[in-house]
Amino acid sequence: MQTGGIADFAVQGETGIDVFRRMDEAAQRRSRFECLATVTAGAGDAPRVIAHGPQARRDPDAMLATVARFRACTIAPHRMALGDARSFPDIGFAEDPLAVFVYLDFLRARMTADMAVQRFEDETLRADAPDPAQTDPAQTAAVLRLLVDFNRVARGVALCEAVLPALIRAAEAPRAAADRRADVRAYGLRLAGDLLMRAGQAARALRAFEAALMLGENRFRRRRAIEAARAAADAGAMRHHLDLFARRWALPGDLALLRASLRQPGDAIAGATP
């Protein structure tokens, strides 16, 4: 549960129950939502927490507790029609009246995001649309961020099909890393990789993360490439990205263990003195 604010809450998503956090952005006078994890049925029907960020990785039990509250909530599964006042929930019967307003705010934010995504799709996916590489990379990244935040994986993958090849071409262009928009292009590629990872397309996600790294070295991007390589069972890519990580930064415990498990006879240890 989020401390000092509105509690995390859950929504039935595409592949399981998604756990969300509502965050106030005072400077923009608005709130935004972020999907922290997806909880699915695991082996023997035991719940499985698929973490989408560090909060869920640090505290998977908190994600399970949020899902338990969701399942016990009488308001969350209430069916209503926007045009039928008779179907509106009776807040007097809600265990937590504030939850009604959180879900309504979530609906408003998601519909607003859908409008932004739809406009982008209409402009980008039409038959006579210009090359996606010519689209403002900040606009592309903003739309991909909305899809990640609301965990709209199926829609996100469909959009990646259209824009990712062009994003990778732009990253591979001569002097792309020196372009003033390189960082925002890299951010868009990282978001595309995140969507593909959530869709189980690890090899394609790895390609997106590697293209992002062409535009600038970054500890988080390098870790995401390692995670994608691991999910894709690509031992060569894992060793490659772990070695590059170790040249710049101390390996955290989990990555050090992974690297040790991949070490082959005769491998040199980065940082060791002869």
C-alpha atoms as a PDB file:
ATOM      1  CA  MET A   1       0.000   0.000   0.000  1.00  0.00           C
ATOM      2  CA  GLN A   2       1.175   3.507  -0.730  1.00  0.00           C
ATOM      3  CA  THR A   3       1.946   5.395   2.441  1.00  0.00           C
ATOM      4  CA  GLY A   4       0.967   8.984   3.119  1.00  0.00           C
ATOM      5  CA  GLY A   5      -1.625   9.138   0.329  1.00  0.00           C
ATOM      6  CA  ILE A   6      -4.293   7.218  -1.535  1.00  0.00           C
ATOM      7  CA  ALA A   7      -3.936   3.467  -1.253  1.00  0.00           C
ATOM      8  CA  ASP A   8      -2.858   1.431  -4.253  1.00  0.00           C
ATOM      9  CA  PHE A   9      -5.806  -0.184  -5.982  1.00  0.00           C
ATOM     10  CA  ALA A  10      -6.448  -2.961  -8.484  1.00  0.00           C
ATOM     11  CA  VAL A  11      -8.267  -3.350 -11.805  1.00  0.00           C
ATOM     12  CA  GLN A  12      -8.881  -6.453 -13.887  1.00  0.00           C
ATOM     13  CA  GLY A  13      -6.485  -6.137 -16.814  1.00  0.00           C
ATOM     14  CA  GLU A  14      -5.679  -7.937 -20.040  1.00  0.00           C
ATOM     15  CA  THR A  15      -3.807 -10.873 -18.526  1.00  0.00           C
ATOM     16  CA  GLY A  16      -4.488 -10.643 -14.808  1.00  0.00           C
ATOM     17  CA  ILE A  17      -5.268  -8.172 -12.062  1.00  0.00           C
ATOM     18  CA  ASP A  18      -3.259  -4.970 -12.461  1.00  0.00           C
ATOM     19  CA  VAL A  19      -2.145  -3.050  -9.376  1.00  0.00           C
ATOM     20  CA  PHE A  20      -2.039   0.729  -9.841  1.00  0.00           C
ATOM     21  CA  ARG A  21      -0.755   3.695  -7.908  1.00  0.00           C
ATOM     22  CA  ARG A  22      -2.220   7.182  -8.166  1.00  0.00           C
ATOM     23  CA  MET A  23       0.374   9.945  -7.949  1.00  0.00           C
ATOM     24  CA  ASP A  24      -0.258  13.657  -7.681  1.00  0.00           C
ATOM     25  CA  GLU A  25       1.787  15.927  -9.934  1.00  0.00           C
ATOM     26  CA  ALA A  26       1.415  19.261  -8.200  1.00  0.00           C
ATOM     27  CA  ALA A  27       3.372  21.204 -10.816  1.00  0.00           C
ATOM     28  CA  GLN A  28       0.978  20.054 -13.564  1.00  0.00           C
ATOM     29  CA  ARG A  29      -2.077  20.260 -11.252  1.00  0.00           C
ATOM     30  CA  ARG A  30      -3.076  16.731 -12.130  1.00  0.00           C
ATOM     31  CA  SER A  31      -2.663  13.144 -11.091  1.00  0.00           C
ATOM     32  CA  ARG A  32      -1.295  10.243 -13.068  1.00  0.00           C
ATOM     33  CA  PHE A  33      -1.469   6.503 -12.678  1.00  0.00           C
ATOM     34  CA  GLU A  34       1.222   3.861 -12.939  1.00  0.00           C
ATOM     35  CA  CYS A  35       0.798   0.089 -13.175  1.00  0.00           C
ATOM     36  CA  LEU A  36       3.076  -1.428 -10.552  1.00  0.00           C
ATOM     37  CA  ALA A  37       2.442  -5.128 -11.150  1.00  0.00           C
ATOM     38  CA  THR A  38       0.144  -7.727 -12.638  1.00  0.00           C
ATOM     39  CA  VAL A  39      -1.009 -10.613 -10.460  1.00  0.00           C
ATOM     40  CA  THR A  40      -1.892 -13.843 -12.238  1.00  0.00           C
ATOM     41  CA  ALA A  41      -2.628 -17.408 -11.218  1.00  0.00           C
ATOM     42  CA  GLY A  42       0.636 -19.316 -10.971  1.00  0.00           C
ATOM     43  CA  ALA A  43       1.438 -22.991 -10.573  1.00  0.00           C
ATOM     44  CA  GLY A  44      -1.212 -24.765  -8.516  1.00  0.00           C
ATOM     45  CA  ASP A  45      -3.325 -21.583  -8.647  1.00  0.00           C
ATOM     46  CA  ALA A  46      -0.892 -19.812  -6.328  1.00  0.00           C
ATOM     47  CA  PRO A  47      -0.805 -16.101  -7.231  1.00  0.00           C
ATOM     48  CA  ARG A  48       2.188 -14.888  -9.211  1.00  0.00           C
ATOM     49  CA  VAL A  49       3.335 -11.275  -9.007  1.00  0.00           C
ATOM     50  CA  ILE A  50       4.761  -9.940 -12.275  1.00  0.00           C
ATOM     51  CA  ALA A  51       6.573  -6.788 -11.196  1.00  0.00           C
ATOM     52  CA  HIS A  52       6.667  -3.842 -13.577  1.00  0.00           C
ATOM     53  CA  GLY A  53       8.795  -1.640 -11.357  1.00  0.00           C
ATOM     54  CA  PRO A  54      11.029  -1.560  -8.294  1.00  0.00           C
ATOM     55  CA  GLN A  55       8.165  -1.064  -5.817  1.00  0.00           C
ATOM     56  CA  ALA A  56       6.615  -4.417  -6.711  1.00  0.00           C
ATOM     57  CA  ARG A  57       9.988  -6.179  -6.801  1.00  0.00           C
ATOM     58  CA  ARG A  58      10.795  -4.912  -3.313  1.00  0.00           C
ATOM     59  CA  ASP A  59       7.413  -5.762  -1.807  1.00  0.00           C
ATOM     60  CA  PRO A  60       5.410  -8.368  -3.751  1.00  0.00           C
ATOM     61  CA  ASP A  61       3.333  -9.052  -0.630  1.00  0.00           C
ATOM     62  CA  ALA A  62       1.973  -5.514  -0.832  1.00  0.00           C
ATOM     63  CA  MET A  63       0.778  -6.244  -4.380  1.00  0.00           C
ATOM     64  CA  LEU A  64      -0.985  -9.386  -3.162  1.00  0.00           C
ATOM     65  CA  ALA A  65      -2.579  -7.442  -0.310  1.00  0.00           C
ATOM     66  CA  THR A  66      -3.940  -4.885  -2.787  1.00  0.00           C
ATOM     67  CA  VAL A  67      -5.433  -7.673  -4.890  1.00  0.00           C
ATOM     68  CA  ALA A  68      -6.989  -9.210  -1.777  1.00  0.00           C
ATOM     69  CA  ARG A  69      -8.671  -5.868  -0.987  1.00  0.00           C
ATOM     70  CA  PHE A  70      -9.882  -5.662  -4.576  1.00  0.00           C
ATOM     71  CA  ARG A  71     -11.482  -9.093  -4.393  1.00  0.00           C
ATOM     72  CA  ALA A  72     -13.217  -8.218  -1.125  1.00  0.00           C
ATOM     73  CA  CYS A  73     -14.434  -4.825  -2.374  1.00  0.00           C
ATOM     74  CA  THR A  74     -18.128  -4.573  -3.251  1.00  0.00           C
ATOM     75  CA  ILE A  75     -17.771  -1.411  -5.345  1.00  0.00           C
ATOM     76  CA  ALA A  76     -14.951  -2.557  -7.683  1.00  0.00           C
ATOM     77  CA  PRO A  77     -16.961  -5.234  -9.568  1.00  0.00           C
ATOM     78  CA  HIS A  78     -20.131  -3.094  -9.753  1.00  0.00           C
ATOM     79  CA  ARG A  79     -21.493  -2.957 -13.309  1.00  0.00           C
ATOM     80  CA  MET A  80     -22.833   0.370 -14.509  1.00  0.00           C
ATOM     81  CA  ALA A  81     -23.808   2.178 -17.692  1.00  0.00           C
ATOM     82  CA  LEU A  82     -22.721   5.786 -18.075  1.00  0.00           C
ATOM     83  CA  GLY A  83     -26.080   6.702 -19.533  1.00  0.00           C
ATOM     84  CA  ASP A  84     -28.182   4.986 -16.886  1.00  0.00           C
ATOM     85  CA  ALA A  85     -28.298   6.685 -13.491  1.00  0.00           C
ATOM     86  CA  ARG A  86     -30.127   3.695 -12.059  1.00  0.00           C
ATOM     87  CA  SER A  87     -26.945   1.639 -12.423  1.00  0.00           C
ATOM     88  CA  PHE A  88     -24.658   4.076 -10.623  1.00  0.00           C
ATOM     89  CA  PRO A  89     -23.059   2.668  -7.442  1.00  0.00           C
ATOM     90  CA  ASP A  90     -24.572   3.641  -4.110  1.00  0.00           C
ATOM     91  CA  ILE A  91     -21.660   5.164  -2.234  1.00  0.00           C
ATOM     92  CA  GLY A  92     -23.450   4.566   1.050  1.00  0.00           C
ATOM     93  CA  PHE A  93     -22.763   0.852   0.731  1.00  0.00           C
ATOM     94  CA  ALA A  94     -19.054   1.234  -0.055  1.00  0.00           C
ATOM     95  CA  GLU A  95     -16.602   0.000   2.576  1.00  0.00           C
ATOM     96  CA  ASP A  96     -14.346   2.886   1.557  1.00  0.00           C
ATOM     97  CA  PRO A  97     -16.272   5.735  -0.120  1.00  0.00           C
ATOM     98  CA  LEU A  98     -12.991   7.282  -1.295  1.00  0.00           C
ATOM     99  CA  ALA A  99     -12.402   4.196  -3.472  1.00  0.00           C
ATOM    100  CA  VAL A 100     -15.360   5.203  -5.656  1.00  0.00           C
ATOM    101  CA  PHE A 101     -13.694   8.509  -6.496  1.00  0.00           C
ATOM    102  CA  VAL A 102     -10.326   6.858  -7.103  1.00  0.00           C
ATOM    103  CA  TYR A 103     -11.892   4.515  -9.665  1.00  0.00           C
ATOM    104  CA  LEU A 104     -13.782   7.409 -11.280  1.00  0.00           C
ATOM    105  CA  ASP A 105     -10.553   9.420 -11.503  1.00  0.00           C
ATOM    106  CA  PHE A 106      -8.840   6.380 -12.997  1.00  0.00           C
ATOM    107  CA  LEU A 107     -11.607   6.055 -15.605  1.00  0.00           C
ATOM    108  CA  ARG A 108     -11.289   9.745 -16.488  1.00  0.00           C
ATOM    109  CA  ALA A 109      -7.517   9.491 -16.824  1.00  0.00           C
ATOM    110  CA  ARG A 110      -7.680   6.326 -18.899  1.00  0.00           C
ATOM    111  CA  MET A 111     -10.269   7.788 -21.280  1.00  0.00           C
ATOM    112  CA  THR A 112      -8.148  10.930 -21.660  1.00  0.00           C
ATOM    113  CA  ALA A 113      -5.118   8.742 -22.419  1.00  0.00           C
ATOM    114  CA  ASP A 114      -7.126   6.737 -24.945  1.00  0.00           C
ATOM    115  CA  MET A 115      -8.030   9.939 -26.776  1.00  0.00           C
ATOM    116  CA  ALA A 116      -4.362  10.932 -26.991  1.00  0.00           C
ATOM    117  CA  VAL A 117      -3.348   7.467 -28.207  1.00  0.00           C
ATOM    118  CA  GLN A 118      -6.152   7.423 -30.769  1.00  0.00           C
ATOM    119  CA  ARG A 119      -5.093  10.794 -32.194  1.00  0.00           C
ATOM    120  CA  PHE A 120      -1.525   9.562 -32.508  1.00  0.00           C
ATOM    121  CA  GLU A 121      -2.636   6.320 -34.167  1.00  0.00           C
ATOM    122  CA  ASP A 122      -4.867   8.219 -36.605  1.00  0.00           C
ATOM    123  CA  GLU A 123      -1.927  10.414 -37.628  1.00  0.00           C
ATOM    124  CA  THR A 124       0.747   7.711 -37.655  1.00  0.00           C
ATOM    125  CA  LEU A 125      -0.974   4.586 -38.934  1.00  0.00           C
ATOM    126  CA  ARG A 126      -2.954   5.980 -41.854  1.00  0.00           C
ATOM    127  CA  ALA A 127      -1.914   4.757 -45.314  1.00  0.00           C
ATOM    128  CA  ASP A 128      -0.482   8.123 -46.422  1.00  0.00           C
ATOM    129  CA  ALA A 129       1.253   8.885 -43.129  1.00  0.00           C
ATOM    130  CA  PRO A 130       4.895  10.029 -43.283  1.00  0.00           C
ATOM    131  CA  ASP A 131       7.703   7.782 -42.112  1.00  0.00           C
ATOM    132  CA  PRO A 132       7.334   7.362 -38.321  1.00  0.00           C
ATOM    133  CA  ALA A 133      10.999   8.332 -38.067  1.00  0.00           C
ATOM    134  CA  GLN A 134       9.891  11.876 -38.931  1.00  0.00           C
ATOM    135  CA  THR A 135       7.369  12.010 -36.077  1.00  0.00           C
ATOM    136  CA  ASP A 136       8.320  14.157 -33.107  1.00  0.00           C
ATOM    137  CA  PRO A 137      10.101  11.660 -30.800  1.00  0.00           C
ATOM    138  CA  ALA A 138       8.679  13.416 -27.736  1.00  0.00           C
ATOM    139  CA  GLN A 139       5.155  12.776 -29.006  1.00  0.00           C
ATOM    140  CA  THR A 140       5.943   9.122 -29.691  1.00  0.00           C
ATOM    141  CA  ALA A 141       7.473   8.692 -26.235  1.00  0.00           C
ATOM    142  CA  ALA A 142       4.512  10.407 -24.556  1.00  0.00           C
ATOM    143  CA  VAL A 143       2.032   8.015 -26.186  1.00  0.00           C
ATOM    144  CA  LEU A 144       4.140   4.955 -25.386  1.00  0.00           C
ATOM    145  CA  ARG A 145       4.367   6.173 -21.780  1.00  0.00           C
ATOM    146  CA  LEU A 146       0.561   6.301 -21.547  1.00  0.00           C
ATOM    147  CA  LEU A 147       0.327   2.738 -22.829  1.00  0.00           C
ATOM    148  CA  VAL A 148       2.928   1.574 -20.307  1.00  0.00           C
ATOM    149  CA  ASP A 149       1.331   3.462 -17.405  1.00  0.00           C
ATOM    150  CA  PHE A 150      -2.103   1.950 -18.051  1.00  0.00           C
ATOM    151  CA  ASN A 151      -0.618  -1.445 -19.028  1.00  0.00           C
ATOM    152  CA  ARG A 152      -2.320  -1.406 -22.431  1.00  0.00           C
ATOM    153  CA  VAL A 153      -0.051  -4.142 -23.732  1.00  0.00           C
ATOM    154  CA  ALA A 154      -2.028  -5.398 -26.739  1.00  0.00           C
ATOM    155  CA  ARG A 155      -2.534  -1.882 -28.067  1.00  0.00           C
ATOM    156  CA  GLY A 156       1.059  -1.003 -27.286  1.00  0.00           C
ATOM    157  CA  VAL A 157       2.443  -3.977 -29.201  1.00  0.00           C
ATOM    158  CA  ALA A 158       0.292  -3.076 -32.207  1.00  0.00           C
ATOM    159  CA  LEU A 159       1.712   0.437 -32.141  1.00  0.00           C
ATOM    160  CA  CYS A 160       5.248  -0.912 -31.776  1.00  0.00           C
ATOM    161  CA  GLU A 161       4.712  -2.926 -34.947  1.00  0.00           C
ATOM    162  CA  ALA A 162       4.237   0.376 -36.765  1.00  0.00           C
ATOM    163  CA  VAL A 163       6.813   2.651 -35.150  1.00  0.00           C
ATOM    164  CA  LEU A 164       9.619   0.482 -33.747  1.00  0.00           C
ATOM    165  CA  PRO A 165      11.434  -0.266 -37.046  1.00  0.00           C
ATOM    166  CA  ALA A 166      11.636   3.463 -37.752  1.00  0.00           C
ATOM    167  CA  LEU A 167      12.799   4.235 -34.208  1.00  0.00           C
ATOM    168  CA  ILE A 168      15.582   1.660 -34.535  1.00  0.00           C
ATOM    169  CA  ARG A 169      16.625   3.025 -37.952  1.00  0.00           C
ATOM    170  CA  ALA A 170      16.850   6.508 -36.463  1.00  0.00           C
ATOM    171  CA  ALA A 171      19.016   5.194 -33.616  1.00  0.00           C
ATOM    172  CA  GLU A 172      21.351   3.476 -36.089  1.00  0.00           C
ATOM    173  CA  ALA A 173      21.816   6.569 -38.263  1.00  0.00           C
ATOM    174  CA  PRO A 174      25.269   8.207 -38.311  1.00  0.00           C
ATOM    175  CA  ARG A 175      25.765  10.650 -35.432  1.00  0.00           C
ATOM    176  CA  ALA A 176      22.341   9.780 -34.013  1.00  0.00           C
ATOM    177  CA  ALA A 177      23.748   9.888 -30.478  1.00  0.00           C
ATOM    178  CA  ALA A 178      24.856  13.494 -31.023  1.00  0.00           C
ATOM    179  CA  ASP A 179      21.385  14.652 -32.041  1.00  0.00           C
ATOM    180  CA  ARG A 180      19.729  16.949 -29.490  1.00  0.00           C
ATOM    181  CA  ARG A 181      16.720  14.607 -29.446  1.00  0.00           C
ATOM    182  CA  ALA A 182      18.786  11.476 -28.804  1.00  0.00           C
ATOM    183  CA  ASP A 183      17.743  11.101 -25.190  1.00  0.00           C
ATOM    184  CA  VAL A 184      14.031  11.382 -25.890  1.00  0.00           C
ATOM    185  CA  ARG A 185      14.393   8.902 -28.779  1.00  0.00           C
ATOM    186  CA  ALA A 186      16.147   6.521 -26.390  1.00  0.00           C
ATOM    187  CA  TYR A 187      13.332   6.969 -23.883  1.00  0.00           C
ATOM    188  CA  GLY A 188      10.770   6.014 -26.529  1.00  0.00           C
ATOM    189  CA  LEU A 189      12.772   2.924 -27.435  1.00  0.00           C
ATOM    190  CA  ARG A 190      13.018   1.925 -23.788  1.00  0.00           C
ATOM    191  CA  LEU A 191       9.242   2.279 -23.383  1.00  0.00           C
ATOM    192  CA  ALA A 192       8.679   0.179 -26.513  1.00  0.00           C
ATOM    193  CA  GLY A 193      10.966  -2.439 -25.008  1.00  0.00           C
ATOM    194  CA  ASP A 194       8.983  -2.373 -21.760  1.00  0.00           C
ATOM    195  CA  LEU A 195       5.728  -3.038 -23.635  1.00  0.00           C
ATOM    196  CA  LEU A 196       7.291  -5.883 -25.592  1.00  0.00           C
ATOM    197  CA  MET A 197       8.682  -7.411 -22.399  1.00  0.00           C
ATOM    198  CA  ARG A 198       5.220  -7.365 -20.845  1.00  0.00           C
ATOM    199  CA  ALA A 199       3.904  -9.068 -23.982  1.00  0.00           C
ATOM    200  CA  GLY A 200       6.473 -11.861 -23.647  1.00  0.00           C
ATOM    201  CA  GLN A 201       8.415 -10.734 -26.737  1.00  0.00           C
ATOM    202  CA  ALA A 202      11.798 -10.600 -25.048  1.00  0.00           C
ATOM    203  CA  ALA A 203      13.956 -10.882 -28.176  1.00  0.00           C
ATOM    204  CA  ARG A 204      12.243  -7.871 -29.765  1.00  0.00           C
ATOM    205  CA  ALA A 205      12.436  -6.001 -26.478  1.00  0.00           C
ATOM    206  CA  LEU A 206      16.185  -6.668 -26.376  1.00  0.00           C
ATOM    207  CA  ARG A 207      16.530  -5.104 -29.824  1.00  0.00           C
ATOM    208  CA  ALA A 208      14.692  -1.993 -28.618  1.00  0.00           C
ATOM    209  CA  PHE A 209      16.853  -1.673 -25.493  1.00  0.00           C
ATOM    210  CA  GLU A 210      20.035  -2.130 -27.533  1.00  0.00           C
ATOM    211  CA  ALA A 211      18.913   0.606 -29.924  1.00  0.00           C
ATOM    212  CA  ALA A 212      18.281   2.882 -26.931  1.00  0.00           C
ATOM    213  CA  LEU A 213      21.814   2.184 -25.712  1.00  0.00           C
ATOM    214  CA  MET A 214      23.190   3.259 -29.104  1.00  0.00           C
ATOM    215  CA  LEU A 215      21.865   6.725 -28.287  1.00  0.00           C
ATOM    216  CA  GLY A 216      23.515   6.916 -24.898  1.00  0.00           C
ATOM    217  CA  GLU A 217      24.849   4.708 -22.134  1.00  0.00           C
ATOM    218  CA  ASN A 218      22.552   4.495 -19.148  1.00  0.00           C
ATOM    219  CA  ARG A 219      22.614   2.177 -16.152  1.00  0.00           C
ATOM    220  CA  PHE A 220      18.870   1.519 -16.257  1.00  0.00           C
ATOM    221  CA  ARG A 221      18.820   0.846 -20.025  1.00  0.00           C
ATOM    222  CA  ARG A 222      21.746  -1.550 -19.685  1.00  0.00           C
ATOM    223  CA  ARG A 223      19.962  -3.441 -16.916  1.00  0.00           C
ATOM    224  CA  ARG A 224      16.827  -3.669 -19.041  1.00  0.00           C
ATOM    225  CA  ALA A 225      18.904  -5.150 -21.869  1.00  0.00           C
ATOM    226  CA  ILE A 226      20.263  -7.752 -19.443  1.00  0.00           C
ATOM    227  CA  GLU A 227      16.754  -8.590 -18.249  1.00  0.00           C
ATOM    228  CA  ALA A 228      15.497  -8.929 -21.821  1.00  0.00           C
ATOM    229  CA  ALA A 229      18.436 -11.136 -22.791  1.00  0.00           C
ATOM    230  CA  ARG A 230      17.729 -13.331 -19.782  1.00  0.00           C
ATOM    231  CA  ALA A 231      14.030 -13.598 -20.642  1.00  0.00           C
ATOM    232  CA  ALA A 232      14.988 -14.484 -24.217  1.00  0.00           C
ATOM    233  CA  ALA A 233      17.453 -17.142 -22.949  1.00  0.00           C
ATOM    234  CA  ASP A 234      20.202 -15.445 -24.979  1.00  0.00           C
ATOM    235  CA  ALA A 235      23.338 -16.324 -22.992  1.00  0.00           C
ATOM    236  CA  GLY A 236      25.652 -14.477 -25.382  1.00  0.00           C
ATOM    237  CA  ALA A 237      23.690 -11.249 -25.064  1.00  0.00           C
ATOM    238  CA  MET A 238      23.541 -11.649 -21.293  1.00  0.00           C
ATOM    239  CA  ARG A 239      27.337 -11.980 -21.054  1.00  0.00           C
ATOM    240  CA  HIS A 240      27.834  -9.063 -23.434  1.00  0.00           C
ATOM    241  CA  HIS A 241      25.602  -6.655 -21.533  1.00  0.00           C
ATOM    242  CA  LEU A 242      26.796  -7.814 -18.131  1.00  0.00           C
ATOM    243  CA  ASP A 243      30.394  -7.189 -19.192  1.00  0.00           C
ATOM    244  CA  LEU A 244      29.538  -3.703 -20.427  1.00  0.00           C
ATOM    245  CA  PHE A 245      27.658  -2.971 -17.216  1.00  0.00           C
ATOM    246  CA  ALA A 246      30.624  -4.131 -15.115  1.00  0.00           C
ATOM    247  CA  ARG A 247      33.035  -1.862 -17.025  1.00  0.00           C
ATOM    248  CA  ARG A 248      31.116   1.224 -15.867  1.00  0.00           C
ATOM    249  CA  TRP A 249      29.442   0.328 -12.592  1.00  0.00           C
ATOM    250  CA  ALA A 250      29.748  -2.136  -9.737  1.00  0.00           C
ATOM    251  CA  LEU A 251      27.444  -5.065 -10.377  1.00  0.00           C
ATOM    252  CA  PRO A 252      24.588  -5.275  -7.854  1.00  0.00           C
ATOM    253  CA  GLY A 253      24.188  -8.614  -6.126  1.00  0.00           C
ATOM    254  CA  ASP A 254      21.622 -10.123  -8.475  1.00  0.00           C
ATOM    255  CA  LEU A 255      23.604  -9.248 -11.594  1.00  0.00           C
ATOM    256  CA  ALA A 256      26.852 -10.482 -10.027  1.00  0.00           C
ATOM    257  CA  LEU A 257      25.226 -13.857  -9.357  1.00  0.00           C
ATOM    258  CA  LEU A 258      23.854 -13.992 -12.893  1.00  0.00           C
ATOM    259  CA  ARG A 259      27.264 -13.201 -14.352  1.00  0.00           C
ATOM    260  CA  ALA A 260      28.922 -15.874 -12.221  1.00  0.00           C
ATOM    261  CA  SER A 261      26.398 -18.446 -13.409  1.00  0.00           C
ATOM    262  CA  LEU A 262      27.310 -17.653 -17.030  1.00  0.00           C
ATOM    263  CA  ARG A 263      31.074 -17.639 -16.620  1.00  0.00           C
ATOM    264  CA  GLN A 264      32.912 -20.078 -18.856  1.00  0.00           C
ATOM    265  CA  PRO A 265      36.328 -21.658 -18.260  1.00  0.00           C
ATOM    266  CA  GLY A 266      39.070 -19.214 -19.133  1.00  0.00           C
ATOM    267  CA  ASP A 267      36.863 -16.107 -18.858  1.00  0.00           C
ATOM    268  CA  ALA A 268      38.640 -13.043 -17.497  1.00  0.00           C
ATOM    269  CA  ILE A 269      36.980 -11.201 -14.655  1.00  0.00           C
ATOM    270  CA  ALA A 270      36.439  -7.543 -15.439  1.00  0.00           C
ATOM    271  CA  GLY A 271      38.248  -5.312 -13.003  1.00  0.00           C
ATOM    272  CA  ALA A 272      40.652  -8.043 -11.840  1.00  0.00           C
ATOM    273  CA  THR A 273      44.371  -7.318 -11.921  1.00  0.00           C
ATOM    274  CA  PRO A 274      46.721  -9.874 -13.508  1.00  0.00           C
END
